């Protein structure tokens, strides 16, 4: 069942991405010869309006094959060929796949906020020794309903306020059973490393959330706004993470996940429920868009770089140069995928399971 869910999620993301390329190619008068889901030998397909729509054996990706797409092809210079189109139209076709994935991510985030976003409440699950909360009459199962007079309901609201209070004290309004009271304390300020490997200061009072989760629903307008905010936050975080990996402050092995890791994450997320899977799918769709637009040959972003150079030079980069750059890029990409896959095998305990099988 896990494999089926993984393939369904991946197929939806691939179909959306390739449909973006397809629809803009058709709109700009380019003949699409093939729309393929998967690679390798064809399993089945149909032909319509000159395009063969097919499903292939290896279900890890897909592609759109356009007439006159490759510089090395024997093109006829016909109007319906990709390379016969102006740079601007070719750029539209290339970027459309990522944009449609980005749009899908936005719609899925919006859907999550409309249907109901699982959210931790402000109920205290544990009080940690050595922190201010332990010495200020805060106990497990207390519910923090306000901070400095500002009403709160969710754990995210609580941590956002507390972590930024690097100076001075805070007054917590606590509900314990039928009793409500205030307690004032000064948070402990500690240095930690964030997800990007950068040392930052945060304030803590020493409490952990409970397992109490509520479903928070929003009206369509609120959901649209929150969906956009979630997508913007994920995008900004992803680019910061990429920069941290480039500068070496965040290790690549621990920060990137390949197909193996995505499979395991999809499986675990599906166990939590449908809405969690939809949210994870939104993250994957946004990540696919961001990754594809990176300025690396063989990716959509790499093709956009070639088009930019062509626009400036008034002529395309030579076929030989493009082929050599692409060959090097493919080797580097394969090496990266192997490296990331090995990291996934280590992270998700597959290595230990395989070794355990041999020991038996």
Protein backbone atom coordinates (compact mmCIF):
# COMPACT_ATOMS: atom_id res chain seq x y z
CA UNK A 1 0.00 0.00 0.00
CA UNK A 2 2.87 2.38 0.83
CA UNK A 3 4.36 1.86 -2.64
CA UNK A 4 1.00 2.64 -4.27
CA UNK A 5 0.57 5.85 -2.26
CA UNK A 6 4.13 6.91 -3.10
CA UNK A 7 3.60 6.26 -6.83
CA UNK A 8 0.25 8.09 -6.83
CA UNK A 9 1.76 11.17 -5.12
CA UNK A 10 4.81 11.16 -7.40
CA UNK A 11 2.68 10.63 -10.53
CA UNK A 12 0.41 13.57 -9.69
CA UNK A 13 3.42 15.87 -9.23
CA UNK A 14 5.01 14.67 -12.48
CA UNK A 15 1.76 14.97 -14.47
CA UNK A 16 1.22 18.52 -13.22
CA UNK A 17 4.83 19.49 -14.03
CA UNK A 18 4.83 17.98 -17.53
CA UNK A 19 1.35 19.34 -18.24
CA UNK A 20 2.76 22.82 -17.64
CA UNK A 21 5.37 22.24 -20.37
CA UNK A 22 2.75 20.61 -22.60
CA UNK A 23 0.04 23.27 -22.38
CA UNK A 24 2.47 26.16 -23.03
CA UNK A 25 4.06 24.27 -25.92
CA UNK A 26 0.64 23.77 -27.51
CA UNK A 27 -0.33 27.39 -26.77
CA UNK A 28 2.84 28.60 -28.52
CA UNK A 29 2.29 26.38 -31.54
CA UNK A 30 4.88 23.69 -30.81
CA UNK A 31 4.07 20.09 -31.73
CA UNK A 32 4.40 17.78 -28.70
CA UNK A 33 5.34 14.33 -29.97
CA UNK A 34 5.17 12.52 -26.64
CA UNK A 35 3.82 13.10 -23.14
CA UNK A 36 5.30 10.34 -20.99
CA UNK A 37 4.74 9.41 -17.37
CA UNK A 38 7.80 7.37 -16.42
CA UNK A 39 10.85 6.30 -18.39
CA UNK A 40 11.96 3.18 -20.24
CA UNK A 41 9.79 0.75 -22.22
CA UNK A 42 6.23 1.88 -22.93
CA UNK A 43 3.51 -0.02 -21.05
CA UNK A 44 0.51 1.52 -22.80
CA UNK A 45 -0.56 4.74 -24.46
CA UNK A 46 -2.91 6.57 -26.81
CA UNK A 47 -2.31 9.05 -29.60
CA UNK A 48 -4.33 12.22 -29.97
CA UNK A 49 -3.77 15.33 -32.12
CA UNK A 50 -0.27 14.18 -33.02
CA UNK A 51 0.78 13.58 -29.39
CA UNK A 52 1.40 10.14 -27.91
CA UNK A 53 0.29 10.02 -24.28
CA UNK A 54 1.90 7.02 -22.59
CA UNK A 55 2.89 5.37 -19.32
CA UNK A 56 6.33 3.76 -19.15
CA UNK A 57 7.86 1.05 -17.01
CA UNK A 58 10.03 3.11 -14.64
CA UNK A 59 7.60 5.40 -12.74
CA UNK A 60 10.18 7.84 -11.37
CA UNK A 61 9.54 11.00 -13.36
CA UNK A 62 8.35 11.84 -16.84
CA UNK A 63 8.99 14.04 -19.85
CA UNK A 64 7.49 15.94 -22.75
CA UNK A 65 9.13 15.38 -26.15
CA UNK A 66 8.66 18.31 -28.51
CA UNK A 67 9.37 18.52 -32.25
CA UNK A 68 12.76 20.06 -32.98
CA UNK A 69 13.66 20.21 -29.30
CA UNK A 70 17.28 19.00 -29.42
CA UNK A 71 19.93 21.08 -31.24
CA UNK A 72 21.52 17.85 -32.49
CA UNK A 73 18.30 16.73 -34.19
CA UNK A 74 17.84 17.11 -37.92
CA UNK A 75 15.35 19.91 -37.67
CA UNK A 76 13.48 21.15 -40.71
CA UNK A 77 12.98 24.68 -39.47
CA UNK A 78 9.23 24.21 -39.52
CA UNK A 79 6.98 26.56 -37.58
CA UNK A 80 5.79 23.87 -35.14
CA UNK A 81 9.32 23.04 -33.95
CA UNK A 82 10.55 24.14 -30.53
CA UNK A 83 13.80 25.69 -31.79
CA UNK A 84 11.90 27.70 -34.40
CA UNK A 85 10.21 29.71 -31.66
CA UNK A 86 11.61 32.98 -30.22
CA UNK A 87 13.60 32.82 -26.98
CA UNK A 88 10.72 34.31 -24.99
CA UNK A 89 8.24 31.62 -26.05
CA UNK A 90 10.75 28.83 -25.37
CA UNK A 91 11.37 30.31 -21.90
CA UNK A 92 7.61 30.27 -21.25
CA UNK A 93 7.46 26.57 -22.14
CA UNK A 94 10.41 25.73 -19.88
CA UNK A 95 9.28 27.67 -16.82
CA UNK A 96 5.63 26.55 -17.07
CA UNK A 97 6.28 23.15 -15.47
CA UNK A 98 7.74 24.62 -12.29
CA UNK A 99 5.08 27.33 -12.14
CA UNK A 100 2.30 24.75 -12.30
CA UNK A 101 3.94 22.76 -9.50
CA UNK A 102 4.14 25.98 -7.51
CA UNK A 103 0.47 26.69 -8.17
CA UNK A 104 -0.43 23.14 -7.09
CA UNK A 105 1.50 23.64 -3.84
CA UNK A 106 -0.41 26.86 -3.17
CA UNK A 107 -3.78 25.19 -3.84
CA UNK A 108 -2.91 22.21 -1.63
CA UNK A 109 -1.79 24.46 1.25
CA UNK A 110 -5.01 26.44 0.86
CA UNK A 111 -7.02 23.20 0.88
CA UNK A 112 -5.33 22.11 4.12
CA UNK A 113 -6.22 25.38 5.84
CA UNK A 114 -9.84 25.18 4.60
CA UNK A 115 -10.47 21.53 5.46
CA UNK A 116 -8.63 21.72 8.76
CA UNK A 117 -5.01 22.15 9.72
CA UNK A 118 -3.91 19.85 12.61
CA UNK A 119 -2.47 22.20 15.25
CA UNK A 120 -0.98 21.64 18.70
CA UNK A 121 -2.77 23.53 21.48
CA UNK A 122 -1.11 25.60 24.19
CA UNK A 123 -1.54 22.81 26.73
CA UNK A 124 1.67 21.95 28.62
CA UNK A 125 2.78 18.36 28.11
CA UNK A 126 5.95 18.44 30.18
CA UNK A 127 7.87 20.82 32.46
CA UNK A 128 11.65 20.61 32.08
CA UNK A 129 13.87 20.76 35.15
CA UNK A 130 16.43 23.56 35.32
CA UNK A 131 14.27 26.09 33.48
CA UNK A 132 12.14 28.96 34.86
CA UNK A 133 8.80 27.18 34.38
CA UNK A 134 9.73 24.48 36.91
CA UNK A 135 10.24 27.05 39.66
CA UNK A 136 7.21 29.22 38.84
CA UNK A 137 4.29 26.91 39.60
CA UNK A 138 3.75 25.70 36.02
CA UNK A 139 2.64 22.07 35.84
CA UNK A 140 1.83 19.41 33.30
CA UNK A 141 -1.66 19.78 31.77
CA UNK A 142 -1.76 23.51 32.50
CA UNK A 143 -3.16 25.52 29.59
CA UNK A 144 -1.46 28.85 28.78
CA UNK A 145 -4.24 31.10 27.49
CA UNK A 146 -2.44 34.46 27.32
CA UNK A 147 1.05 36.01 27.31
CA UNK A 148 1.35 39.58 28.57
CA UNK A 149 -2.40 39.91 28.12
CA UNK A 150 -2.41 38.69 24.51
CA UNK A 151 -4.78 35.76 24.04
CA UNK A 152 -3.29 32.58 22.53
CA UNK A 153 -4.66 29.11 21.69
CA UNK A 154 -1.89 27.31 19.84
CA UNK A 155 1.62 26.15 20.69
CA UNK A 156 3.06 27.90 17.63
CA UNK A 157 1.79 31.25 18.93
CA UNK A 158 3.32 30.56 22.34
CA UNK A 159 6.79 29.68 21.05
CA UNK A 160 6.85 32.57 18.59
CA UNK A 161 6.37 35.07 21.45
CA UNK A 162 8.60 33.36 24.04
CA UNK A 163 11.58 32.71 21.74
CA UNK A 164 11.84 36.40 20.86
CA UNK A 165 11.76 37.60 24.50
CA UNK A 166 15.53 37.89 24.93
CA UNK A 167 15.26 40.57 27.62
CA UNK A 168 12.89 41.15 30.51
CA UNK A 169 10.11 38.98 31.88
CA UNK A 170 6.80 37.62 30.58
CA UNK A 171 3.48 37.23 32.34
CA UNK A 172 1.65 34.00 31.55
CA UNK A 173 -2.06 33.56 32.14
CA UNK A 174 -2.59 29.92 33.06
CA UNK A 175 -5.78 27.90 33.29
CA UNK A 176 -5.61 24.89 35.62
CA UNK A 177 -8.94 23.11 35.85
CA UNK A 178 -11.50 25.76 36.86
CA UNK A 179 -8.83 28.11 38.20
CA UNK A 180 -7.12 30.90 36.22
CA UNK A 181 -4.04 32.74 37.51
CA UNK A 182 -1.01 34.73 36.35
CA UNK A 183 2.67 34.00 36.87
CA UNK A 184 5.58 36.23 35.85
CA UNK A 185 8.98 34.79 34.98
CA UNK A 186 12.15 35.68 33.10
CA UNK A 187 12.99 33.28 30.24
CA UNK A 188 16.42 31.68 29.99
CA UNK A 189 18.38 32.86 26.98
CA UNK A 190 20.43 30.17 25.27
CA UNK A 191 22.50 29.87 22.13
CA UNK A 192 21.49 27.12 19.71
CA UNK A 193 22.21 26.23 16.11
CA UNK A 194 19.25 26.65 13.78
CA UNK A 195 18.48 24.34 10.85
CA UNK A 196 20.96 26.27 8.70
CA UNK A 197 23.84 25.69 11.13
CA UNK A 198 23.87 29.33 12.26
CA UNK A 199 24.23 30.11 15.98
CA UNK A 200 21.30 32.15 17.26
CA UNK A 201 19.92 33.21 20.63
CA UNK A 202 16.44 32.17 21.73
CA UNK A 203 14.51 32.55 24.98
CA UNK A 204 13.05 29.45 26.63
CA UNK A 205 10.95 28.83 29.74
CA UNK A 206 11.27 25.03 29.78
CA UNK A 207 7.96 23.55 28.72
CA UNK A 208 7.08 21.02 26.00
CA UNK A 209 3.77 20.63 24.15
CA UNK A 210 1.20 17.96 24.91
CA UNK A 211 -0.19 15.52 22.36
CA UNK A 212 -3.45 17.48 22.23
CA UNK A 213 -4.16 18.34 18.60
CA UNK A 214 -7.15 20.26 17.29
CA UNK A 215 -8.32 20.76 13.71
CA UNK A 216 -8.36 24.46 12.84
CA UNK A 217 -10.52 25.42 9.85
CA UNK A 218 -10.50 28.75 8.03
CA UNK A 219 -12.83 30.43 5.57
CA UNK A 220 -11.73 30.50 1.90
CA UNK A 221 -10.23 34.00 2.04
CA UNK A 222 -8.22 33.27 5.20
CA UNK A 223 -7.15 29.93 3.73
CA UNK A 224 -5.85 31.63 0.57
CA UNK A 225 -3.82 34.10 2.62
CA UNK A 226 -2.45 31.41 4.93
CA UNK A 227 -1.70 29.13 1.98
CA UNK A 228 0.31 31.92 0.36
CA UNK A 229 2.15 32.63 3.60
CA UNK A 230 3.00 28.95 4.07
CA UNK A 231 4.30 28.70 0.50
CA UNK A 232 6.38 31.88 0.89
CA UNK A 233 7.86 30.65 4.18
CA UNK A 234 8.76 27.27 2.68
CA UNK A 235 10.32 28.93 -0.39
CA UNK A 236 12.40 31.34 1.68
CA UNK A 237 13.49 28.54 4.04
CA UNK A 238 14.48 26.31 1.11
CA UNK A 239 16.62 28.98 -0.53
CA UNK A 240 18.27 29.80 2.80
CA UNK A 241 18.99 26.09 3.22
CA UNK A 242 20.49 25.84 -0.27
CA UNK A 243 22.73 28.82 0.45
CA UNK A 244 23.77 27.27 3.77
CA UNK A 245 24.75 24.07 1.96
CA UNK A 246 26.73 26.01 -0.65
CA UNK A 247 28.60 27.94 2.05
CA UNK A 248 29.17 24.77 4.07
CA UNK A 249 27.32 25.83 7.22
CA UNK A 250 24.78 23.01 6.74
CA UNK A 251 25.86 19.47 5.76
CA UNK A 252 24.46 18.24 2.42
CA UNK A 253 24.18 14.61 3.55
CA UNK A 254 21.84 15.43 6.43
CA UNK A 255 19.92 18.18 4.64
CA UNK A 256 18.93 16.61 1.32
CA UNK A 257 16.58 13.72 0.67
CA UNK A 258 16.35 11.62 -2.49
CA UNK A 259 13.72 9.19 -3.84
CA UNK A 260 14.40 6.64 -1.07
CA UNK A 261 13.92 9.25 1.65
CA UNK A 262 10.82 10.66 -0.03
CA UNK A 263 9.32 7.16 -0.15
CA UNK A 264 9.87 6.64 3.59
CA UNK A 265 8.61 10.13 4.46
CA UNK A 266 5.51 9.59 2.30
CA UNK A 267 4.84 6.26 4.00
CA UNK A 268 5.16 7.73 7.51
CA UNK A 269 3.10 10.81 6.63
CA UNK A 270 0.30 8.69 5.15
CA UNK A 271 0.04 6.86 8.48
CA UNK A 272 -0.84 10.15 10.20
CA UNK A 273 -3.84 10.75 7.96
CA UNK A 274 -5.05 12.22 4.69
CA UNK A 275 -4.59 15.89 5.59
CA UNK A 276 -0.97 15.30 6.63
CA UNK A 277 -0.33 13.56 3.29
CA UNK A 278 -1.86 16.49 1.38
CA UNK A 279 0.36 18.91 3.30
CA UNK A 280 3.44 16.80 2.56
CA UNK A 281 2.44 16.65 -1.10
CA UNK A 282 2.26 20.45 -1.16
CA UNK A 283 5.80 20.62 0.24
CA UNK A 284 7.03 18.15 -2.39
CA UNK A 285 5.37 20.07 -5.21
CA UNK A 286 6.95 23.35 -4.10
CA UNK A 287 10.33 21.65 -3.65
CA UNK A 288 10.09 20.16 -7.16
CA UNK A 289 9.41 23.62 -8.60
CA UNK A 290 12.32 25.19 -6.72
CA UNK A 291 14.73 22.36 -7.59
CA UNK A 292 13.84 22.42 -11.28
CA UNK A 293 14.50 26.14 -11.57
CA UNK A 294 18.01 25.91 -10.13
CA UNK A 295 20.57 27.19 -12.67
CA UNK A 296 22.05 23.75 -13.31
CA UNK A 297 22.34 22.12 -16.76
CA UNK A 298 19.75 19.36 -17.50
CA UNK A 299 17.31 21.10 -15.14
CA UNK A 300 14.77 23.66 -16.36
CA UNK A 301 16.82 26.41 -14.74
CA UNK A 302 19.86 25.32 -16.77
CA UNK A 303 17.87 25.56 -20.00
CA UNK A 304 16.80 29.07 -18.99
CA UNK A 305 20.49 30.01 -18.57
CA UNK A 306 21.24 28.79 -22.11
CA UNK A 307 18.28 30.83 -23.38
CA UNK A 308 19.53 33.90 -21.51
CA UNK A 309 22.95 33.55 -23.13
CA UNK A 310 21.27 33.12 -26.53
CA UNK A 311 19.24 36.28 -25.93
CA UNK A 312 22.38 38.29 -25.14
CA UNK A 313 24.58 36.79 -27.89
CA UNK A 314 21.79 36.84 -30.49
CA UNK A 315 22.67 33.22 -31.29
CA UNK A 316 22.46 29.93 -29.38
CA UNK A 317 25.33 28.25 -27.57
CA UNK A 318 26.95 25.75 -29.95
CA UNK A 319 25.63 22.19 -29.97
CA UNK A 320 29.02 20.74 -28.97
CA UNK A 321 29.35 23.06 -25.97
CA UNK A 322 25.80 22.30 -24.83
CA UNK A 323 26.39 18.55 -25.17
CA UNK A 324 29.64 18.63 -23.20
CA UNK A 325 28.13 20.75 -20.42
CA UNK A 326 25.08 18.49 -20.28
CA UNK A 327 27.21 15.33 -20.11
CA UNK A 328 29.23 16.72 -17.19
CA UNK A 329 26.02 17.86 -15.48
CA UNK A 330 24.43 14.42 -15.81
CA UNK A 331 27.48 12.77 -14.24
CA UNK A 332 27.44 15.28 -11.36
CA UNK A 333 23.69 14.85 -10.88
CA UNK A 334 23.99 11.05 -10.78
CA UNK A 335 26.85 11.34 -8.28
CA UNK A 336 24.75 13.67 -6.11
CA UNK A 337 21.77 11.31 -6.24
CA UNK A 338 23.94 8.35 -5.23
CA UNK A 339 25.42 10.39 -2.38
CA UNK A 340 21.98 11.52 -1.20
CA UNK A 341 20.54 8.00 -1.57
CA UNK A 342 23.33 6.58 0.58
CA UNK A 343 22.51 9.25 3.16
CA UNK A 344 18.83 8.18 3.02
CA UNK A 345 19.82 4.55 3.55
CA UNK A 346 21.75 5.59 6.66
CA UNK A 347 19.13 8.04 7.98
CA UNK A 348 16.15 5.73 7.64
CA UNK A 349 17.86 2.65 9.08
CA UNK A 350 17.87 0.63 5.85
CA UNK A 351 21.58 -0.10 6.18
CA UNK A 352 21.11 -1.64 9.64
CA UNK A 353 18.14 -3.73 8.41
CA UNK A 354 20.15 -5.13 5.48
CA UNK A 355 23.13 -5.92 7.73
CA UNK A 356 20.76 -7.54 10.22
CA UNK A 357 19.39 -9.82 7.49
CA UNK A 358 22.90 -11.05 6.66
CA UNK A 359 23.72 -11.65 10.33
CA UNK A 360 20.73 -13.93 10.61
